Amino acid sequence: QVQLVESGGGSVQPGGSLRLSCAASGTIFNIYAMAWYRQAPGK
């Protein structure tokens, strides 16, 4: 069973920075291409 746990989000002002992390377990992580996705409200 693959588990993906994202962290690092928050509230920032325009021009600011954030670093997101995603910890994976239950999978051979290094053999897969990985990606970040996003979903805005209503989209």
PDB file of all heavy atoms in Angstrom:
ATOM      1  N   GLN A   1       0.845  -1.190   0.000  1.00  0.00           N
ATOM      2  CA  GLN A   1       0.000   0.000   0.000  1.00  0.00           C
ATOM      3  C   GLN A   1       0.882   1.241   0.000  1.00  0.00           C
ATOM      4  O   GLN A   1       1.650   1.465   0.915  1.00  0.00           O
ATOM      5  CB  GLN A   1      -0.903   0.014   1.247  1.00  0.00           C
ATOM      6  CG  GLN A   1      -1.859   1.176   1.321  1.00  0.00           C
ATOM      7  CD  GLN A   1      -3.082   0.971   0.443  1.00  0.00           C
ATOM      8  OE1 GLN A   1      -3.271  -0.112  -0.089  1.00  0.00           O
ATOM      9  NE2 GLN A   1      -3.875   2.002   0.279  1.00  0.00           N
ATOM     10  N   VAL A   2       0.761   2.032  -1.060  1.00  0.00           N
ATOM     11  CA  VAL A   2       1.554   3.249  -1.167  1.00  0.00           C
ATOM     12  C   VAL A   2       0.910   4.347  -0.340  1.00  0.00           C
ATOM     13  O   VAL A   2      -0.301   4.554  -0.408  1.00  0.00           O
ATOM     14  CB  VAL A   2       1.659   3.690  -2.637  1.00  0.00           C
ATOM     15  CG1 VAL A   2       2.449   4.994  -2.731  1.00  0.00           C
ATOM     16  CG2 VAL A   2       2.309   2.604  -3.467  1.00  0.00           C
ATOM     17  N   GLN A   3       1.724   5.036   0.429  1.00  0.00           N
ATOM     18  CA  GLN A   3       1.238   6.201   1.178  1.00  0.00           C
ATOM     19  C   GLN A   3       2.059   7.418   0.804  1.00  0.00           C
ATOM     20  O   GLN A   3       3.301   7.358   0.749  1.00  0.00           O
ATOM     21  CB  GLN A   3       1.355   5.963   2.679  1.00  0.00           C
ATOM     22  CG  GLN A   3       0.202   5.170   3.274  1.00  0.00           C
ATOM     23  CD  GLN A   3       0.150   5.285   4.784  1.00  0.00           C
ATOM     24  OE1 GLN A   3       1.165   5.174   5.455  1.00  0.00           O
ATOM     25  NE2 GLN A   3      -1.032   5.499   5.312  1.00  0.00           N
ATOM     26  N   LEU A   4       1.371   8.515   0.558  1.00  0.00           N
ATOM     27  CA  LEU A   4       2.009   9.781   0.203  1.00  0.00           C
ATOM     28  C   LEU A   4       1.539  10.836   1.189  1.00  0.00           C
ATOM     29  O   LEU A   4       0.333  11.037   1.356  1.00  0.00           O
ATOM     30  CB  LEU A   4       1.644  10.182  -1.221  1.00  0.00           C
ATOM     31  CG  LEU A   4       2.024   9.185  -2.310  1.00  0.00           C
ATOM     32  CD1 LEU A   4       1.321   9.508  -3.620  1.00  0.00           C
ATOM     33  CD2 LEU A   4       3.530   9.167  -2.516  1.00  0.00           C
ATOM     34  N   VAL A   5       2.480  11.502   1.845  1.00  0.00           N
ATOM     35  CA  VAL A   5       2.137  12.501   2.851  1.00  0.00           C
ATOM     36  C   VAL A   5       2.813  13.813   2.491  1.00  0.00           C
ATOM     37  O   VAL A   5       4.041  13.929   2.551  1.00  0.00           O
ATOM     38  CB  VAL A   5       2.551  12.050   4.259  1.00  0.00           C
ATOM     39  CG1 VAL A   5       2.172  13.119   5.281  1.00  0.00           C
ATOM     40  CG2 VAL A   5       1.894  10.724   4.609  1.00  0.00           C
ATOM     41  N   GLU A   6       1.991  14.793   2.128  1.00  0.00           N
ATOM     42  CA  GLU A   6       2.497  16.116   1.751  1.00  0.00           C
ATOM     43  C   GLU A   6       2.546  17.038   2.961  1.00  0.00           C
ATOM     44  O   GLU A   6       1.701  16.926   3.867  1.00  0.00           O
ATOM     45  CB  GLU A   6       1.592  16.748   0.675  1.00  0.00           C
ATOM     46  CG  GLU A   6       1.450  15.934  -0.598  1.00  0.00           C
ATOM     47  CD  GLU A   6       0.262  14.978  -0.593  1.00  0.00           C
ATOM     48  OE1 GLU A   6      -0.313  14.737   0.497  1.00  0.00           O
ATOM     49  OE2 GLU A   6      -0.086  14.458  -1.666  1.00  0.00           O
ATOM     50  N   SER A   7       3.504  17.948   2.960  1.00  0.00           N
ATOM     51  CA  SER A   7       3.627  18.926   4.039  1.00  0.00           C
ATOM     52  C   SER A   7       4.335  20.166   3.516  1.00  0.00           C
ATOM     53  O   SER A   7       4.894  20.156   2.413  1.00  0.00           O
ATOM     54  CB  SER A   7       4.384  18.333   5.219  1.00  0.00           C
ATOM     55  OG  SER A   7       5.702  17.980   4.845  1.00  0.00           O
ATOM     56  N   GLY A   8       4.315  21.225   4.318  1.00  0.00           N
ATOM     57  CA  GLY A   8       5.072  22.425   3.992  1.00  0.00           C
ATOM     58  C   GLY A   8       4.252  23.580   3.471  1.00  0.00           C
ATOM     59  O   GLY A   8       4.788  24.662   3.219  1.00  0.00           O
ATOM     60  N   GLY A   9       2.954  23.384   3.287  1.00  0.00           N
ATOM     61  CA  GLY A   9       2.117  24.460   2.805  1.00  0.00           C
ATOM     62  C   GLY A   9       1.927  25.541   3.857  1.00  0.00           C
ATOM     63  O   GLY A   9       2.381  25.412   4.998  1.00  0.00           O
ATOM     64  N   GLY A  10       1.261  26.608   3.461  1.00  0.00           N
ATOM     65  CA  GLY A  10       1.002  27.704   4.383  1.00  0.00           C
ATOM     66  C   GLY A  10       0.460  28.906   3.651  1.00  0.00           C
ATOM     67  O   GLY A  10       0.105  28.825   2.477  1.00  0.00           O
ATOM     68  N   SER A  11       0.409  30.013   4.370  1.00  0.00           N
ATOM     69  CA  SER A  11      -0.068  31.273   3.806  1.00  0.00           C
ATOM     70  C   SER A  11       1.105  32.228   3.664  1.00  0.00           C
ATOM     71  O   SER A  11       1.844  32.445   4.633  1.00  0.00           O
ATOM     72  CB  SER A  11      -1.126  31.886   4.719  1.00  0.00           C
ATOM     73  OG  SER A  11      -2.278  31.076   4.773  1.00  0.00           O
ATOM     74  N   VAL A  12       1.271  32.774   2.474  1.00  0.00           N
ATOM     75  CA  VAL A  12       2.354  33.719   2.217  1.00  0.00           C
ATOM     76  C   VAL A  12       1.831  34.880   1.392  1.00  0.00           C
ATOM     77  O   VAL A  12       0.783  34.774   0.737  1.00  0.00           O
ATOM     78  CB  VAL A  12       3.540  33.055   1.484  1.00  0.00           C
ATOM     79  CG1 VAL A  12       4.159  31.975   2.336  1.00  0.00           C
ATOM     80  CG2 VAL A  12       3.104  32.497   0.140  1.00  0.00           C
ATOM     81  N   GLN A  13       2.597  35.955   1.403  1.00  0.00           N
ATOM     82  CA  GLN A  13       2.265  37.106   0.566  1.00  0.00           C
ATOM     83  C   GLN A  13       2.825  36.896  -0.839  1.00  0.00           C
ATOM     84  O   GLN A  13       3.764  36.114  -1.028  1.00  0.00           O
ATOM     85  CB  GLN A  13       2.853  38.369   1.174  1.00  0.00           C
ATOM     86  CG  GLN A  13       2.209  38.758   2.502  1.00  0.00           C
ATOM     87  CD  GLN A  13       2.703  40.101   3.006  1.00  0.00           C
ATOM     88  OE1 GLN A  13       3.777  40.577   2.637  1.00  0.00           O
ATOM     89  NE2 GLN A  13       1.907  40.732   3.854  1.00  0.00           N
ATOM     90  N   PRO A  14       2.259  37.581  -1.810  1.00  0.00           N
ATOM     91  CA  PRO A  14       2.829  37.497  -3.161  1.00  0.00           C
ATOM     92  C   PRO A  14       4.312  37.819  -3.147  1.00  0.00           C
ATOM     93  O   PRO A  14       4.752  38.739  -2.441  1.00  0.00           O
ATOM     94  CB  PRO A  14       2.038  38.561  -3.932  1.00  0.00           C
ATOM     95  CG  PRO A  14       0.726  38.616  -3.219  1.00  0.00           C
ATOM     96  CD  PRO A  14       1.053  38.415  -1.766  1.00  0.00           C
ATOM     97  N   GLY A  15       5.075  37.038  -3.898  1.00  0.00           N
ATOM     98  CA  GLY A  15       6.519  37.189  -3.921  1.00  0.00           C
ATOM     99  C   GLY A  15       7.239  36.317  -2.913  1.00  0.00           C
ATOM    100  O   GLY A  15       8.470  36.210  -2.946  1.00  0.00           O
ATOM    101  N   GLY A  16       6.484  35.674  -2.025  1.00  0.00           N
ATOM    102  CA  GLY A  16       7.086  34.831  -1.005  1.00  0.00           C
ATOM    103  C   GLY A  16       7.478  33.460  -1.532  1.00  0.00           C
ATOM    104  O   GLY A  16       7.284  33.141  -2.711  1.00  0.00           O
ATOM    105  N   SER A  17       8.018  32.651  -0.639  1.00  0.00           N
ATOM    106  CA  SER A  17       8.501  31.314  -0.995  1.00  0.00           C
ATOM    107  C   SER A  17       7.987  30.274  -0.008  1.00  0.00           C
ATOM    108  O   SER A  17       7.741  30.579   1.166  1.00  0.00           O
ATOM    109  CB  SER A  17      10.029  31.282  -0.986  1.00  0.00           C
ATOM    110  OG  SER A  17      10.572  32.158  -1.939  1.00  0.00           O
ATOM    111  N   LEU A  18       7.857  29.062  -0.502  1.00  0.00           N
ATOM    112  CA  LEU A  18       7.521  27.899   0.320  1.00  0.00           C
ATOM    113  C   LEU A  18       8.248  26.694  -0.251  1.00  0.00           C
ATOM    114  O   LEU A  18       8.515  26.638  -1.457  1.00  0.00           O
ATOM    115  CB  LEU A  18       6.014  27.627   0.327  1.00  0.00           C
ATOM    116  CG  LEU A  18       5.116  28.538   1.145  1.00  0.00           C
ATOM    117  CD1 LEU A  18       3.660  28.211   0.847  1.00  0.00           C
ATOM    118  CD2 LEU A  18       5.403  28.421   2.627  1.00  0.00           C
ATOM    119  N   ARG A  19       8.526  25.733   0.612  1.00  0.00           N
ATOM    120  CA  ARG A  19       9.097  24.465   0.163  1.00  0.00           C
ATOM    121  C   ARG A  19       8.193  23.336   0.622  1.00  0.00           C
ATOM    122  O   ARG A  19       8.012  23.121   1.824  1.00  0.00           O
ATOM    123  CB  ARG A  19      10.494  24.263   0.738  1.00  0.00           C
ATOM    124  CG  ARG A  19      11.233  23.071   0.123  1.00  0.00           C
ATOM    125  CD  ARG A  19      12.468  22.719   0.905  1.00  0.00           C
ATOM    126  NE  ARG A  19      13.343  21.806   0.184  1.00  0.00           N
ATOM    127  CZ  ARG A  19      14.194  20.961   0.763  1.00  0.00           C
ATOM    128  NH1 ARG A  19      14.282  20.939   2.082  1.00  0.00           N
ATOM    129  NH2 ARG A  19      14.959  20.175   0.036  1.00  0.00           N
ATOM    130  N   LEU A  20       7.632  22.629  -0.336  1.00  0.00           N
ATOM    131  CA  LEU A  20       6.768  21.499  -0.041  1.00  0.00           C
ATOM    132  C   LEU A  20       7.583  20.213  -0.015  1.00  0.00           C
ATOM    133  O   LEU A  20       8.559  20.073  -0.759  1.00  0.00           O
ATOM    134  CB  LEU A  20       5.669  21.384  -1.090  1.00  0.00           C
ATOM    135  CG  LEU A  20       4.815  22.626  -1.349  1.00  0.00           C
ATOM    136  CD1 LEU A  20       3.716  22.295  -2.350  1.00  0.00           C
ATOM    137  CD2 LEU A  20       4.251  23.185  -0.073  1.00  0.00           C
ATOM    138  N   SER A  21       7.149  19.287   0.821  1.00  0.00           N
ATOM    139  CA  SER A  21       7.773  17.965   0.897  1.00  0.00           C
ATOM    140  C   SER A  21       6.696  16.894   0.740  1.00  0.00           C
ATOM    141  O   SER A  21       5.541  17.101   1.106  1.00  0.00           O
ATOM    142  CB  SER A  21       8.482  17.767   2.234  1.00  0.00           C
ATOM    143  OG  SER A  21       9.532  18.692   2.402  1.00  0.00           O
ATOM    144  N   CYS A  22       7.103  15.756   0.224  1.00  0.00           N
ATOM    145  CA  CYS A  22       6.201  14.618   0.068  1.00  0.00           C
ATOM    146  C   CYS A  22       6.963  13.366   0.468  1.00  0.00           C
ATOM    147  O   CYS A  22       7.926  12.977  -0.211  1.00  0.00           O
ATOM    148  CB  CYS A  22       5.730  14.511  -1.371  1.00  0.00           C
ATOM    149  SG  CYS A  22       4.888  12.961  -1.771  1.00  0.00           S
ATOM    150  N   ALA A  23       6.543  12.763   1.564  1.00  0.00           N
ATOM    151  CA  ALA A  23       7.168  11.536   2.042  1.00  0.00           C
ATOM    152  C   ALA A  23       6.397  10.340   1.509  1.00  0.00           C
ATOM    153  O   ALA A  23       5.176  10.258   1.671  1.00  0.00           O
ATOM    154  CB  ALA A  23       7.197  11.523   3.560  1.00  0.00           C
ATOM    155  N   ALA A  24       7.110   9.422   0.864  1.00  0.00           N
ATOM    156  CA  ALA A  24       6.476   8.242   0.285  1.00  0.00           C
ATOM    157  C   ALA A  24       6.868   7.000   1.069  1.00  0.00           C
ATOM    158  O   ALA A  24       8.009   6.874   1.523  1.00  0.00           O
ATOM    159  CB  ALA A  24       6.897   8.082  -1.167  1.00  0.00           C
ATOM    160  N   SER A  25       5.923   6.097   1.222  1.00  0.00           N
ATOM    161  CA  SER A  25       6.211   4.814   1.868  1.00  0.00           C
ATOM    162  C   SER A  25       5.449   3.718   1.128  1.00  0.00           C
ATOM    163  O   SER A  25       4.496   3.992   0.402  1.00  0.00           O
ATOM    164  CB  SER A  25       5.817   4.844   3.342  1.00  0.00           C
ATOM    165  OG  SER A  25       4.432   5.077   3.482  1.00  0.00           O
ATOM    166  N   GLY A  26       5.915   2.494   1.302  1.00  0.00           N
ATOM    167  CA  GLY A  26       5.220   1.367   0.697  1.00  0.00           C
ATOM    168  C   GLY A  26       5.437   1.238  -0.790  1.00  0.00           C
ATOM    169  O   GLY A  26       4.666   0.588  -1.480  1.00  0.00           O
ATOM    170  N   THR A  27       6.488   1.865  -1.311  1.00  0.00           N
ATOM    171  CA  THR A  27       6.737   1.786  -2.742  1.00  0.00           C
ATOM    172  C   THR A  27       8.232   1.851  -2.993  1.00  0.00           C
ATOM    173  O   THR A  27       8.987   2.360  -2.161  1.00  0.00           O
ATOM    174  CB  THR A  27       6.044   2.932  -3.495  1.00  0.00           C
ATOM    175  OG1 THR A  27       6.260   2.750  -4.904  1.00  0.00           O
ATOM    176  CG2 THR A  27       6.614   4.283  -3.101  1.00  0.00           C
ATOM    177  N   ILE A  28       8.641   1.319  -4.127  1.00  0.00           N
ATOM    178  CA  ILE A  28      10.036   1.448  -4.538  1.00  0.00           C
ATOM    179  C   ILE A  28      10.160   2.810  -5.194  1.00  0.00           C
ATOM    180  O   ILE A  28      10.035   2.957  -6.398  1.00  0.00           O
ATOM    181  CB  ILE A  28      10.446   0.314  -5.489  1.00  0.00           C
ATOM    182  CG1 ILE A  28      10.102  -1.035  -4.861  1.00  0.00           C
ATOM    183  CG2 ILE A  28      11.930   0.406  -5.801  1.00  0.00           C
ATOM    184  CD1 ILE A  28      10.298  -2.202  -5.807  1.00  0.00           C
ATOM    185  N   PHE A  29      10.402   3.817  -4.397  1.00  0.00           N
ATOM    186  CA  PHE A  29      10.284   5.218  -4.808  1.00  0.00           C
ATOM    187  C   PHE A  29      11.176   5.533  -5.991  1.00  0.00           C
ATOM    188  O   PHE A  29      10.760   6.221  -6.928  1.00  0.00           O
ATOM    189  CB  PHE A  29      10.639   6.091  -3.603  1.00  0.00           C
ATOM    190  CG  PHE A  29      10.615   7.565  -3.858  1.00  0.00           C
ATOM    191  CD1 PHE A  29       9.415   8.266  -3.834  1.00  0.00           C
ATOM    192  CD2 PHE A  29      11.784   8.274  -4.105  1.00  0.00           C
ATOM    193  CE1 PHE A  29       9.382   9.623  -4.054  1.00  0.00           C
ATOM    194  CE2 PHE A  29      11.758   9.641  -4.322  1.00  0.00           C
ATOM    195  CZ  PHE A  29      10.556  10.318  -4.300  1.00  0.00           C
ATOM    196  N   ASN A  30      12.405   5.039  -5.970  1.00  0.00           N
ATOM    197  CA  ASN A  30      13.397   5.546  -6.912  1.00  0.00           C
ATOM    198  C   ASN A  30      13.173   5.115  -8.358  1.00  0.00           C
ATOM    199  O   ASN A  30      13.780   5.682  -9.261  1.00  0.00           O
ATOM    200  CB  ASN A  30      14.810   5.159  -6.467  1.00  0.00           C
ATOM    201  CG  ASN A  30      14.987   3.658  -6.376  1.00  0.00           C
ATOM    202  OD1 ASN A  30      14.168   2.987  -5.779  1.00  0.00           O
ATOM    203  ND2 ASN A  30      16.045   3.145  -6.962  1.00  0.00           N
ATOM    204  N   ILE A  31      12.290   4.151  -8.593  1.00  0.00           N
ATOM    205  CA  ILE A  31      12.093   3.698  -9.971  1.00  0.00           C
ATOM    206  C   ILE A  31      11.006   4.470 -10.693  1.00  0.00           C
ATOM    207  O   ILE A  31      10.852   4.331 -11.907  1.00  0.00           O
ATOM    208  CB  ILE A  31      11.789   2.190 -10.042  1.00  0.00           C
ATOM    209  CG1 ILE A  31      10.406   1.885  -9.451  1.00  0.00           C
ATOM    210  CG2 ILE A  31      12.881   1.386  -9.368  1.00  0.00           C
ATOM    211  CD1 ILE A  31       9.985   0.447  -9.667  1.00  0.00           C
ATOM    212  N   TYR A  32      10.255   5.285  -9.963  1.00  0.00           N
ATOM    213  CA  TYR A  32       9.120   5.976 -10.565  1.00  0.00           C
ATOM    214  C   TYR A  32       9.429   7.442 -10.851  1.00  0.00           C
ATOM    215  O   TYR A  32      10.079   8.115 -10.056  1.00  0.00           O
ATOM    216  CB  TYR A  32       7.907   5.921  -9.641  1.00  0.00           C
ATOM    217  CG  TYR A  32       7.295   4.554  -9.533  1.00  0.00           C
ATOM    218  CD1 TYR A  32       7.507   3.764  -8.404  1.00  0.00           C
ATOM    219  CD2 TYR A  32       6.508   4.045 -10.556  1.00  0.00           C
ATOM    220  CE1 TYR A  32       6.950   2.504  -8.298  1.00  0.00           C
ATOM    221  CE2 TYR A  32       5.946   2.791 -10.454  1.00  0.00           C
ATOM    222  CZ  TYR A  32       6.174   2.026  -9.332  1.00  0.00           C
ATOM    223  OH  TYR A  32       5.623   0.780  -9.242  1.00  0.00           O
ATOM    224  N   ALA A  33       8.894   7.926 -11.963  1.00  0.00           N
ATOM    225  CA  ALA A  33       8.820   9.370 -12.151  1.00  0.00           C
ATOM    226  C   ALA A  33       7.765   9.884 -11.184  1.00  0.00           C
ATOM    227  O   ALA A  33       6.717   9.266 -11.016  1.00  0.00           O
ATOM    228  CB  ALA A  33       8.441   9.701 -13.585  1.00  0.00           C
ATOM    229  N   MET A  34       8.047  10.995 -10.546  1.00  0.00           N
ATOM    230  CA  MET A  34       7.144  11.577  -9.560  1.00  0.00           C
ATOM    231  C   MET A  34       6.733  12.981  -9.996  1.00  0.00           C
ATOM    232  O   MET A  34       7.410  13.619 -10.818  1.00  0.00           O
ATOM    233  CB  MET A  34       7.826  11.650  -8.197  1.00  0.00           C
ATOM    234  CG  MET A  34       8.173  10.300  -7.593  1.00  0.00           C
ATOM    235  SD  MET A  34       6.716   9.316  -7.187  1.00  0.00           S
ATOM    236  CE  MET A  34       5.955  10.300  -5.890  1.00  0.00           C
ATOM    237  N   ALA A  35       5.627  13.449  -9.437  1.00  0.00           N
ATOM    238  CA  ALA A  35       5.102  14.736  -9.884  1.00  0.00           C
ATOM    239  C   ALA A  35       4.383  15.461  -8.754  1.00  0.00           C
ATOM    240  O   ALA A  35       3.950  14.843  -7.773  1.00  0.00           O
ATOM    241  CB  ALA A  35       4.132  14.527 -11.046  1.00  0.00           C
ATOM    242  N   TRP A  36       4.288  16.747  -8.916  1.00  0.00           N
ATOM    243  CA  TRP A  36       3.436  17.597  -8.086  1.00  0.00           C
ATOM    244  C   TRP A  36       2.244  18.038  -8.929  1.00  0.00           C
ATOM    245  O   TRP A  36       2.412  18.433 -10.090  1.00  0.00           O
ATOM    246  CB  TRP A  36       4.186  18.812  -7.579  1.00  0.00           C
ATOM    247  CG  TRP A  36       5.136  18.508  -6.473  1.00  0.00           C
ATOM    248  CD1 TRP A  36       6.484  18.300  -6.561  1.00  0.00           C
ATOM    249  CD2 TRP A  36       4.803  18.375  -5.074  1.00  0.00           C
ATOM    250  NE1 TRP A  36       7.000  18.038  -5.317  1.00  0.00           N
ATOM    251  CE2 TRP A  36       6.004  18.085  -4.384  1.00  0.00           C
ATOM    252  CE3 TRP A  36       3.624  18.480  -4.341  1.00  0.00           C
ATOM    253  CZ2 TRP A  36       6.049  17.891  -3.012  1.00  0.00           C
ATOM    254  CZ3 TRP A  36       3.664  18.290  -2.984  1.00  0.00           C
ATOM    255  CH2 TRP A  36       4.866  17.998  -2.321  1.00  0.00           C
ATOM    256  N   TYR A  37       1.088  17.998  -8.295  1.00  0.00           N
ATOM    257  CA  TYR A  37      -0.149  18.445  -8.914  1.00  0.00           C
ATOM    258  C   TYR A  37      -0.781  19.477  -7.990  1.00  0.00           C
ATOM    259  O   TYR A  37      -0.441  19.554  -6.810  1.00  0.00           O
ATOM    260  CB  TYR A  37      -1.130  17.279  -9.086  1.00  0.00           C
ATOM    261  CG  TYR A  37      -0.589  16.118  -9.886  1.00  0.00           C
ATOM    262  CD1 TYR A  37       0.225  15.158  -9.296  1.00  0.00           C
ATOM    263  CD2 TYR A  37      -0.904  15.969 -11.229  1.00  0.00           C
ATOM    264  CE1 TYR A  37       0.718  14.083 -10.029  1.00  0.00           C
ATOM    265  CE2 TYR A  37      -0.420  14.900 -11.972  1.00  0.00           C
ATOM    266  CZ  TYR A  37       0.392  13.964 -11.357  1.00  0.00           C
ATOM    267  OH  TYR A  37       0.885  12.905 -12.088  1.00  0.00           O
ATOM    268  N   ARG A  38      -1.719  20.252  -8.487  1.00  0.00           N
ATOM    269  CA  ARG A  38      -2.446  21.181  -7.627  1.00  0.00           C
ATOM    270  C   ARG A  38      -3.889  21.299  -8.095  1.00  0.00           C
ATOM    271  O   ARG A  38      -4.192  21.086  -9.284  1.00  0.00           O
ATOM    272  CB  ARG A  38      -1.771  22.548  -7.594  1.00  0.00           C
ATOM    273  CG  ARG A  38      -1.825  23.326  -8.900  1.00  0.00           C
ATOM    274  CD  ARG A  38      -1.008  24.612  -8.782  1.00  0.00           C
ATOM    275  NE  ARG A  38      -1.029  25.391 -10.015  1.00  0.00           N
ATOM    276  CZ  ARG A  38      -0.288  26.479 -10.216  1.00  0.00           C
ATOM    277  NH1 ARG A  38       0.537  26.921  -9.254  1.00  0.00           N
ATOM    278  NH2 ARG A  38      -0.376  27.135 -11.355  1.00  0.00           N
ATOM    279  N   GLN A  39      -4.738  21.632  -7.149  1.00  0.00           N
ATOM    280  CA  GLN A  39      -6.147  21.818  -7.462  1.00  0.00           C
ATOM    281  C   GLN A  39      -6.651  23.060  -6.755  1.00  0.00           C
ATOM    282  O   GLN A  39      -6.655  23.120  -5.520  1.00  0.00           O
ATOM    283  CB  GLN A  39      -6.969  20.600  -7.054  1.00  0.00           C
ATOM    284  CG  GLN A  39      -8.412  20.665  -7.511  1.00  0.00           C
ATOM    285  CD  GLN A  39      -9.124  19.336  -7.386  1.00  0.00           C
ATOM    286  OE1 GLN A  39      -8.703  18.451  -6.645  1.00  0.00           O
ATOM    287  NE2 GLN A  39     -10.219  19.179  -8.121  1.00  0.00           N
ATOM    288  N   ALA A  40      -7.038  24.031  -7.530  1.00  0.00           N
ATOM    289  CA  ALA A  40      -7.615  25.264  -6.994  1.00  0.00           C
ATOM    290  C   ALA A  40      -9.126  25.084  -6.866  1.00  0.00           C
ATOM    291  O   ALA A  40      -9.712  24.242  -7.553  1.00  0.00           O
ATOM    292  CB  ALA A  40      -7.296  26.429  -7.920  1.00  0.00           C
ATOM    293  N   PRO A  41      -9.759  25.877  -6.003  1.00  0.00           N
ATOM    294  CA  PRO A  41     -11.208  25.754  -5.817  1.00  0.00           C
ATOM    295  C   PRO A  41     -11.961  25.902  -7.138  1.00  0.00           C
ATOM    296  O   PRO A  41     -11.713  26.846  -7.897  1.00  0.00           O
ATOM    297  CB  PRO A  41     -11.539  26.903  -4.863  1.00  0.00           C
ATOM    298  CG  PRO A  41     -10.283  27.135  -4.110  1.00  0.00           C
ATOM    299  CD  PRO A  41      -9.177  26.872  -5.079  1.00  0.00           C
ATOM    300  N   GLY A  42     -12.847  24.946  -7.414  1.00  0.00           N
ATOM    301  CA  GLY A  42     -13.654  25.013  -8.613  1.00  0.00           C
ATOM    302  C   GLY A  42     -12.940  24.640  -9.892  1.00  0.00           C
ATOM    303  O   GLY A  42     -13.508  24.765 -10.982  1.00  0.00           O
ATOM    304  N   LYS A  43     -11.699  24.192  -9.772  1.00  0.00           N
ATOM    305  CA  LYS A  43     -10.926  23.833 -10.968  1.00  0.00           C
ATOM    306  C   LYS A  43     -10.477  22.380 -10.901  1.00  0.00           C
ATOM    307  O   LYS A  43     -10.461  21.767  -9.842  1.00  0.00           O
ATOM    308  CB  LYS A  43      -9.710  24.747 -11.110  1.00  0.00           C
ATOM    309  CG  LYS A  43     -10.049  26.196 -11.367  1.00  0.00           C
ATOM    310  CD  LYS A  43      -8.805  26.995 -11.695  1.00  0.00           C
ATOM    311  CE  LYS A  43      -9.157  28.438 -12.033  1.00  0.00           C
ATOM    312  NZ  LYS A  43      -7.946  29.228 -12.375  1.00  0.00           N
TER     313      LYS A  43
END
